[in-house]
Protein backbone atom coordinates (compact mmCIF):
# COMPACT_ATOMS: atom_id res chain seq x y z
CA UNK A 1 0.07 -0.01 0.25
CA UNK A 2 1.00 3.59 -0.88
CA UNK A 3 2.30 5.72 1.56
CA UNK A 4 -0.22 9.34 2.08
CA UNK A 5 1.81 12.06 0.88
CA UNK A 6 3.71 13.88 2.91
CA UNK A 7 3.51 17.25 1.16
CA UNK A 8 2.74 20.81 1.77
CA UNK A 9 -1.01 20.81 1.71
CA UNK A 10 -2.61 22.52 -1.46
CA UNK A 11 -5.43 24.61 -1.77
CA UNK A 12 -7.52 21.99 -1.95
CA UNK A 13 -7.09 21.13 1.44
CA UNK A 14 -6.21 24.31 3.18
CA UNK A 15 -9.97 25.15 4.29
CA UNK A 16 -10.11 22.09 6.55
CA UNK A 17 -7.25 23.25 8.45
CA UNK A 18 -9.39 25.32 10.69
CA UNK A 19 -11.39 22.68 12.38
CA UNK A 20 -14.68 23.50 14.75
CA UNK A 21 -15.30 23.45 18.45
CA UNK A 22 -18.42 20.48 18.69
CA UNK A 23 -20.09 20.42 21.74
CA UNK A 24 -22.78 17.32 22.34
CA UNK A 25 -25.00 18.34 25.16
CA UNK A 26 -27.56 16.19 27.11
CA UNK A 27 -28.16 14.03 24.05
CA UNK A 28 -31.34 11.98 24.22
CA UNK A 29 -32.42 9.65 21.63
CA UNK A 30 -35.28 6.86 22.46
CA UNK A 31 -36.40 4.17 20.07
CA UNK A 32 -39.61 3.14 21.80
CA UNK A 33 -38.27 2.15 24.59
CA UNK A 34 -34.59 2.04 24.22
CA UNK A 35 -32.64 5.16 25.53
CA UNK A 36 -30.19 4.77 22.77
CA UNK A 37 -28.66 8.03 24.02
CA UNK A 38 -29.43 9.13 27.35
CA UNK A 39 -28.21 12.47 28.57
CA UNK A 40 -25.15 12.27 26.43
CA UNK A 41 -22.64 15.60 26.58
CA UNK A 42 -19.13 15.61 24.99
CA UNK A 43 -16.42 18.54 23.72
CA UNK A 44 -14.56 18.31 21.03
CA UNK A 45 -11.52 21.15 20.99
CA UNK A 46 -10.92 22.34 17.31
CA UNK A 47 -8.89 20.25 15.34
CA UNK A 48 -9.19 17.27 18.20
CA UNK A 49 -9.61 13.82 17.24
CA UNK A 50 -11.87 12.19 19.70
CA UNK A 51 -12.65 8.41 19.60
CA UNK A 52 -16.16 7.39 20.74
CA UNK A 53 -15.54 3.25 21.90
CA UNK A 54 -17.85 0.94 23.75
CA UNK A 55 -19.55 -2.29 22.70
CA UNK A 56 -22.23 -2.88 20.17
CA UNK A 57 -25.65 -1.47 21.19
CA UNK A 58 -23.77 1.53 23.56
CA UNK A 59 -25.13 4.24 21.22
CA UNK A 60 -21.85 5.08 19.74
CA UNK A 61 -23.13 5.48 16.01
CA UNK A 62 -26.06 7.14 17.18
CA UNK A 63 -24.32 9.90 18.60
CA UNK A 64 -22.12 10.08 15.36
CA UNK A 65 -25.15 10.11 13.11
CA UNK A 66 -26.80 13.09 15.25
CA UNK A 67 -23.71 15.10 15.08
CA UNK A 68 -24.31 13.91 11.23
CA UNK A 69 -27.99 15.09 11.10
CA UNK A 70 -28.90 11.85 10.19
CA UNK A 71 -30.75 11.02 13.13
CA UNK A 72 -32.91 14.13 15.13
CA UNK A 73 -32.39 13.81 19.06
CA UNK A 74 -35.23 13.68 21.16
CA UNK A 75 -33.91 16.48 23.45
CA UNK A 76 -30.43 18.20 24.13
CA UNK A 77 -28.31 20.42 21.66
CA UNK A 78 -25.27 19.72 19.03
CA UNK A 79 -23.00 23.11 18.49
CA UNK A 80 -20.74 23.74 16.27
CA UNK A 81 -18.85 26.60 17.16
CA UNK A 82 -21.46 27.74 19.42
CA UNK A 83 -24.54 27.25 16.69
CA UNK A 84 -27.33 24.85 17.89
CA UNK A 85 -27.35 22.80 14.69
CA UNK A 86 -29.73 20.13 15.81
CA UNK A 87 -32.38 20.91 13.55
CA UNK A 88 -30.43 22.22 10.93
CA UNK A 89 -29.97 19.18 7.60
CA UNK A 90 -27.48 17.09 7.13
CA UNK A 91 -26.64 18.59 4.06
CA UNK A 92 -25.61 21.92 5.46
CA UNK A 93 -23.50 21.06 8.49
CA UNK A 94 -20.75 21.43 6.79
CA UNK A 95 -19.42 17.82 7.80
CA UNK A 96 -17.71 15.08 5.60
CA UNK A 97 -18.47 11.39 6.84
CA UNK A 98 -16.65 8.25 5.82
CA UNK A 99 -18.49 5.20 6.31
CA UNK A 100 -17.65 1.37 7.12
CA UNK A 101 -18.71 0.49 3.90
CA UNK A 102 -17.17 2.98 1.81
CA UNK A 103 -20.48 3.68 0.10
CA UNK A 104 -18.69 4.42 -3.34
CA UNK A 105 -20.19 4.72 -6.44
CA UNK A 106 -19.34 1.78 -8.45
CA UNK A 107 -20.20 3.16 -11.98
CA UNK A 108 -17.94 6.44 -11.28
CA UNK A 109 -13.80 5.77 -11.16
CA UNK A 110 -11.52 7.20 -8.18
CA UNK A 111 -11.77 10.61 -9.52
CA UNK A 112 -15.55 11.35 -10.34
CA UNK A 113 -16.23 9.67 -6.81
CA UNK A 114 -13.74 12.05 -5.53
CA UNK A 115 -15.19 14.77 -6.94
CA UNK A 116 -18.92 14.24 -6.41
CA UNK A 117 -19.62 16.44 -3.54
CA UNK A 118 -17.99 19.13 -5.40
CA UNK A 119 -20.49 18.64 -8.58
CA UNK A 120 -23.81 18.64 -6.17
CA UNK A 121 -22.29 22.01 -4.94
CA UNK A 122 -22.25 23.49 -8.29
CA UNK A 123 -18.16 23.63 -8.79
CA UNK A 124 -17.45 23.65 -12.66
CA UNK A 125 -15.83 20.83 -14.22
CA UNK A 126 -12.25 22.08 -14.52
CA UNK A 127 -11.31 22.94 -10.58
CA UNK A 128 -13.57 20.29 -9.34
CA UNK A 129 -11.15 17.93 -11.62
CA UNK A 130 -8.19 19.25 -10.36
CA UNK A 131 -9.20 19.37 -6.77
CA UNK A 132 -10.60 15.67 -6.96
CA UNK A 133 -7.10 15.34 -8.52
CA UNK A 134 -4.91 17.23 -5.42
CA UNK A 135 -6.96 15.16 -2.91
CA UNK A 136 -5.95 11.48 -4.32
CA UNK A 137 -2.39 12.75 -4.51
CA UNK A 138 -2.25 13.59 -0.99
CA UNK A 139 -4.00 10.21 -0.01
CA UNK A 140 -1.72 8.44 -2.17
CA UNK A 141 -4.01 7.40 -4.88
CA UNK A 142 -2.77 9.79 -8.03
CA UNK A 143 -2.22 6.83 -10.25
CA UNK A 144 -5.39 5.17 -9.16
CA UNK A 145 -7.47 8.21 -10.81
CA UNK A 146 -9.21 6.07 -13.89
CA UNK A 147 -9.70 3.10 -11.50
CA UNK A 148 -13.32 2.54 -10.60
CA UNK A 149 -14.13 0.82 -6.63
CA UNK A 150 -14.03 -3.02 -8.59
CA UNK A 151 -10.23 -2.63 -9.39
CA UNK A 152 -9.39 -1.30 -6.16
CA UNK A 153 -8.22 -3.19 -2.98
CA UNK A 154 -10.64 -2.33 -0.05
CA UNK A 155 -7.87 -0.25 1.60
CA UNK A 156 -7.48 1.90 -1.80
CA UNK A 157 -11.69 2.04 -2.00
CA UNK A 158 -11.22 3.69 1.68
CA UNK A 159 -9.02 6.21 1.00
CA UNK A 160 -11.04 7.14 -2.08
CA UNK A 161 -13.78 7.57 0.51
CA UNK A 162 -11.76 9.65 2.32
CA UNK A 163 -10.86 11.87 0.05
CA UNK A 164 -14.43 12.11 -1.25
CA UNK A 165 -15.32 13.25 2.62
CA UNK A 166 -12.28 16.14 2.03
CA UNK A 167 -13.34 17.46 -0.82
CA UNK A 168 -16.26 19.63 0.55
CA UNK A 169 -13.72 20.80 2.91
CA UNK A 170 -15.32 19.82 5.87
CA UNK A 171 -14.81 21.67 9.35
CA UNK A 172 -15.92 18.19 11.11
CA UNK A 173 -14.35 14.83 9.76
CA UNK A 174 -16.86 11.72 11.03
CA UNK A 175 -15.28 8.27 10.59
CA UNK A 176 -18.22 5.82 11.06
CA UNK A 177 -15.66 2.11 12.03
CA UNK A 178 -14.12 3.00 8.82
CA UNK A 179 -11.20 0.29 8.96
CA UNK A 180 -13.70 -2.84 10.02
CA UNK A 181 -13.88 -4.25 7.07
CA UNK A 182 -10.13 -4.57 6.15
CA UNK A 183 -7.57 -7.09 6.69
CA UNK A 184 -5.35 -6.84 9.57
CA UNK A 185 -2.13 -5.61 7.80
CA UNK A 186 -4.02 -2.91 6.05
CA UNK A 187 -6.18 -1.92 8.48
CA UNK A 188 -2.80 -1.15 10.89
CA UNK A 189 -1.10 1.25 7.95
CA UNK A 190 -4.63 2.45 7.05
CA UNK A 191 -4.84 3.85 10.55
CA UNK A 192 -1.97 5.52 11.03
CA UNK A 193 -2.09 7.37 7.51
CA UNK A 194 -5.45 8.40 8.63
CA UNK A 195 -3.78 9.55 11.97
CA UNK A 196 -1.13 11.71 9.74
CA UNK A 197 -3.77 13.33 7.58
CA UNK A 198 -6.08 14.28 10.41
CA UNK A 199 -2.80 15.98 12.34
CA UNK A 200 -1.50 17.59 9.09
CA UNK A 201 -5.06 19.01 8.61
CA UNK A 202 -6.19 19.97 12.21
CA UNK A 203 -9.64 18.81 11.00
CA UNK A 204 -12.01 17.98 13.97
CA UNK A 205 -12.32 14.26 13.73
CA UNK A 206 -15.10 12.08 15.64
CA UNK A 207 -14.20 8.46 15.11
CA UNK A 208 -16.54 5.30 16.00
CA UNK A 209 -14.90 2.11 16.66
CA UNK A 210 -15.27 -1.09 18.76
CA UNK A 211 -11.49 -1.81 18.99
CA UNK A 212 -9.52 -0.55 21.55
CA UNK A 213 -6.23 -0.68 20.11
CA UNK A 214 -7.70 1.62 17.47
CA UNK A 215 -9.05 3.67 19.59
CA UNK A 216 -5.69 3.87 22.19
CA UNK A 217 -3.90 4.39 19.02
CA UNK A 218 -5.46 6.95 17.05
CA UNK A 219 -7.20 9.39 19.33
CA UNK A 220 -5.86 12.15 21.00
CA UNK A 221 -8.88 11.54 23.78
CA UNK A 222 -10.98 8.47 23.94
CA UNK A 223 -14.75 8.75 25.17
CA UNK A 224 -15.84 5.18 26.69
CA UNK A 225 -19.50 4.74 26.06
CA UNK A 226 -22.07 2.38 28.02
CA UNK A 227 -25.97 2.35 27.44
CA UNK A 228 -26.02 5.75 25.78
CA UNK A 229 -23.80 7.79 28.39
CA UNK A 230 -20.34 8.59 28.68
CA UNK A 231 -18.56 6.61 31.25
CA UNK A 232 -14.90 8.57 30.92
CA UNK A 233 -13.83 10.83 28.36
CA UNK A 234 -9.51 11.05 28.67
CA UNK A 235 -6.30 10.73 27.21
CA UNK A 236 -5.08 7.01 26.09
CA UNK A 237 -2.86 6.89 28.35
CA UNK A 238 -4.95 8.55 31.27
CA UNK A 239 -7.80 5.72 30.37
CA UNK A 240 -5.82 3.12 30.92
CA UNK A 241 -3.65 4.04 33.74
CA UNK A 242 -6.48 5.68 35.56
CA UNK A 243 -10.21 4.17 34.79
CA UNK A 244 -12.97 6.07 36.42
CA UNK A 245 -15.40 3.67 36.88
CA UNK A 246 -15.04 -0.67 36.69
CA UNK A 247 -16.68 -0.65 33.17
CA UNK A 248 -13.91 1.40 31.76
CA UNK A 249 -10.80 -1.07 33.54
CA UNK A 250 -12.56 -4.19 32.09
CA UNK A 251 -13.68 -2.43 28.11
CA UNK A 252 -10.42 -0.92 27.76
CA UNK A 253 -7.71 -3.55 28.65
CA UNK A 254 -7.07 -6.44 30.92
CA UNK A 255 -8.38 -6.66 34.56
CA UNK A 256 -8.66 -9.28 37.15
CA UNK A 257 -11.14 -8.52 40.24
CA UNK A 258 -10.19 -9.14 43.64
CA UNK A 259 -12.39 -9.78 46.75
CA UNK A 260 -11.42 -7.22 49.33
CA UNK A 261 -12.13 -5.73 52.21
CA UNK A 262 -11.89 -1.98 52.97
CA UNK A 263 -10.59 -0.41 56.09
CA UNK A 264 -10.54 3.79 55.81
CA UNK A 265 -8.28 4.49 52.89
CA UNK A 266 -6.58 1.06 52.54
CA UNK A 267 -7.80 -2.85 51.44
CA UNK A 268 -5.80 -5.83 51.80
CA UNK A 269 -4.67 -7.44 48.94
CA UNK A 270 -2.38 -10.69 49.08
CA UNK A 271 -1.79 -9.93 52.96
CA UNK A 272 -0.33 -6.42 52.63
CA UNK A 273 -2.43 -3.13 52.69
CA UNK A 274 -2.62 -1.19 49.55
CA UNK A 275 -4.36 2.54 49.40
CA UNK A 276 -7.60 3.01 47.56
CA UNK A 277 -8.04 5.28 43.99
CA UNK A 278 -10.26 8.38 45.27
CA UNK A 279 -13.69 7.80 44.48
CA UNK A 280 -14.27 4.12 45.37
CA UNK A 281 -17.61 2.98 47.26
CA UNK A 282 -17.01 2.82 51.20
CA UNK A 283 -18.71 -0.49 52.35
CA UNK A 284 -20.54 -3.13 50.76
CA UNK A 285 -19.07 -6.69 49.19
CA UNK A 286 -15.83 -4.73 47.41
CA UNK A 287 -13.26 -6.17 44.70
CA UNK A 288 -10.12 -4.28 43.79
CA UNK A 289 -9.63 -4.24 39.66
CA UNK A 290 -6.51 -4.71 38.80
CA UNK A 291 -4.24 -4.58 35.55
CA UNK A 292 -1.62 -7.23 34.77
CA UNK A 293 1.16 -4.44 35.58
CA UNK A 294 -0.10 -3.73 38.94
CA UNK A 295 0.90 -7.35 40.47
CA UNK A 296 4.10 -8.81 40.81
CA UNK A 297 4.96 -12.25 41.11
CA UNK A 298 7.85 -14.92 42.94
CA UNK A 299 8.46 -18.84 42.98
CA UNK A 300 7.33 -19.72 46.53
CA UNK A 301 6.06 -23.46 47.21
CA UNK A 302 4.26 -22.60 50.12
CA UNK A 303 1.69 -20.42 48.62
CA UNK A 304 -1.44 -21.11 47.78
CA UNK A 305 -1.80 -19.81 44.39
CA UNK A 306 -0.70 -21.52 41.34
CA UNK A 307 0.17 -20.56 37.27
CA UNK A 308 -2.59 -21.82 35.14
CA UNK A 309 -1.66 -20.39 31.78
CA UNK A 310 1.23 -19.02 29.92
CA UNK A 311 1.12 -16.15 27.15
CA UNK A 312 4.00 -15.34 25.06
CA UNK A 313 4.18 -11.42 24.60
CA UNK A 314 7.74 -10.48 23.40
CA UNK A 315 9.15 -8.67 26.33
CA UNK A 316 6.74 -10.39 28.86
CA UNK A 317 4.65 -13.18 29.12
CA UNK A 318 1.08 -12.69 30.45
CA UNK A 319 0.62 -15.47 33.41
CA UNK A 320 -2.44 -16.68 34.63
CA UNK A 321 -2.61 -17.73 38.36
CA UNK A 322 -5.23 -19.38 40.32
CA UNK A 323 -5.52 -18.37 43.65
CA UNK A 324 -8.60 -19.61 45.67
CA UNK A 325 -11.48 -18.69 43.25
CA UNK A 326 -9.83 -16.14 42.23
CA UNK A 327 -8.06 -15.56 38.39
CA UNK A 328 -5.14 -12.92 38.68
CA UNK A 329 -3.41 -12.38 35.36
CA UNK A 330 0.25 -11.29 35.85
CA UNK A 331 2.65 -9.67 33.17
CA UNK A 332 6.10 -10.99 34.07
CA UNK A 333 9.54 -10.33 32.04
CA UNK A 334 9.80 -12.93 29.78
CA UNK A 335 13.18 -14.12 30.93
CA UNK A 336 11.57 -14.61 34.29
CA UNK A 337 8.66 -16.45 33.15
CA UNK A 338 10.97 -18.53 31.74
CA UNK A 339 11.51 -20.44 34.90
CA UNK A 340 8.02 -20.56 35.72
CA UNK A 341 6.38 -23.72 34.95
CA UNK A 342 2.08 -24.35 34.82
CA UNK A 343 1.11 -25.51 38.24
CA UNK A 344 3.85 -23.83 40.13
CA UNK A 345 3.43 -22.11 43.64
CA UNK A 346 3.52 -18.31 43.10
CA UNK A 347 3.39 -15.57 45.98
CA UNK A 348 1.81 -12.45 44.60
CA UNK A 349 2.27 -8.67 45.59
CA UNK A 350 0.68 -5.77 44.54
CA UNK A 351 2.74 -3.16 42.82
CA UNK A 352 0.54 -0.09 41.80
CA UNK A 353 0.54 3.00 43.99
CA UNK A 354 -3.24 2.82 44.73
CA UNK A 355 -5.93 0.50 43.52
CA UNK A 356 -9.60 0.88 41.77
CA UNK A 357 -12.00 -0.51 43.95
CA UNK A 358 -15.80 -1.19 43.02
CA UNK A 359 -18.71 -2.66 43.64
CA UNK A 360 -18.81 -6.28 43.59
CA UNK A 361 -20.71 -7.86 40.68
């Protein structure tokens, strides 16, 4: 796959360099008795790429379609640079959208697909063809201009769809799981290219995905959604290392749940006291949620815990440890893990400075 061209932005793309500030304010969307959006709010800064991440049915696509104007909220506001566009038609919102299914016109070549939006806006043939050609060059497909969709790979088709969305110089770019239909290698290459292009143009972008790796690798911030609401919006690093809720901790990355009892600001874990992260419940049945790197282990023939599984991950090996009725996952340096066999008894200890505690399921 050819790389996206890294040259100075042409006049065809310069207008996209001033992204809009977007605010979704207390959005509610009902389908019968189902609340697809339940008071959902989100603020996006100009030029920022925000990923909406969550399981199927969490409301992320509904939020995107409401922003695009394809859905109408039952309550709430959609603000673009301070202007409420909740009742403005999709055609007048100055947004470009790229769909999972590409949605290219099969009877048009790549150049004419990219130029389609410009034609609908009344741009004359010569300038629209020139602009479409510049955009194909921008996404690394200048040599594919005469090809039809069926003559191009999935990754090439998706880049044509991206160029078409950018052709109308939108102030907001919307991406609805645009990589999910591609194979793993192409998906990895294209996500890096989309991110590079988005940063170069500084265009405000909302990216919907159910793939946490995709969201964490591409986004400036990630909004984790659940049941029509935002659970937490944060940078990828903060979202992983300091999840605000048990749902976020379990949806993003890997967490082990270990029953604990709280005494003041601490809980006892593996025989030692650990500080509780701020905001945790103070009473009732509680679990500590531990990342694999929050725990260390060492061989101990007298310990109750024992190793049940090992997964080699390169520099580290992830070990699954059985402690009574609890499963704990621990990341260990692979050179150390090589000396630990399945069935070996190990002692566990927490190495995190504090732990996330949540109500027991």
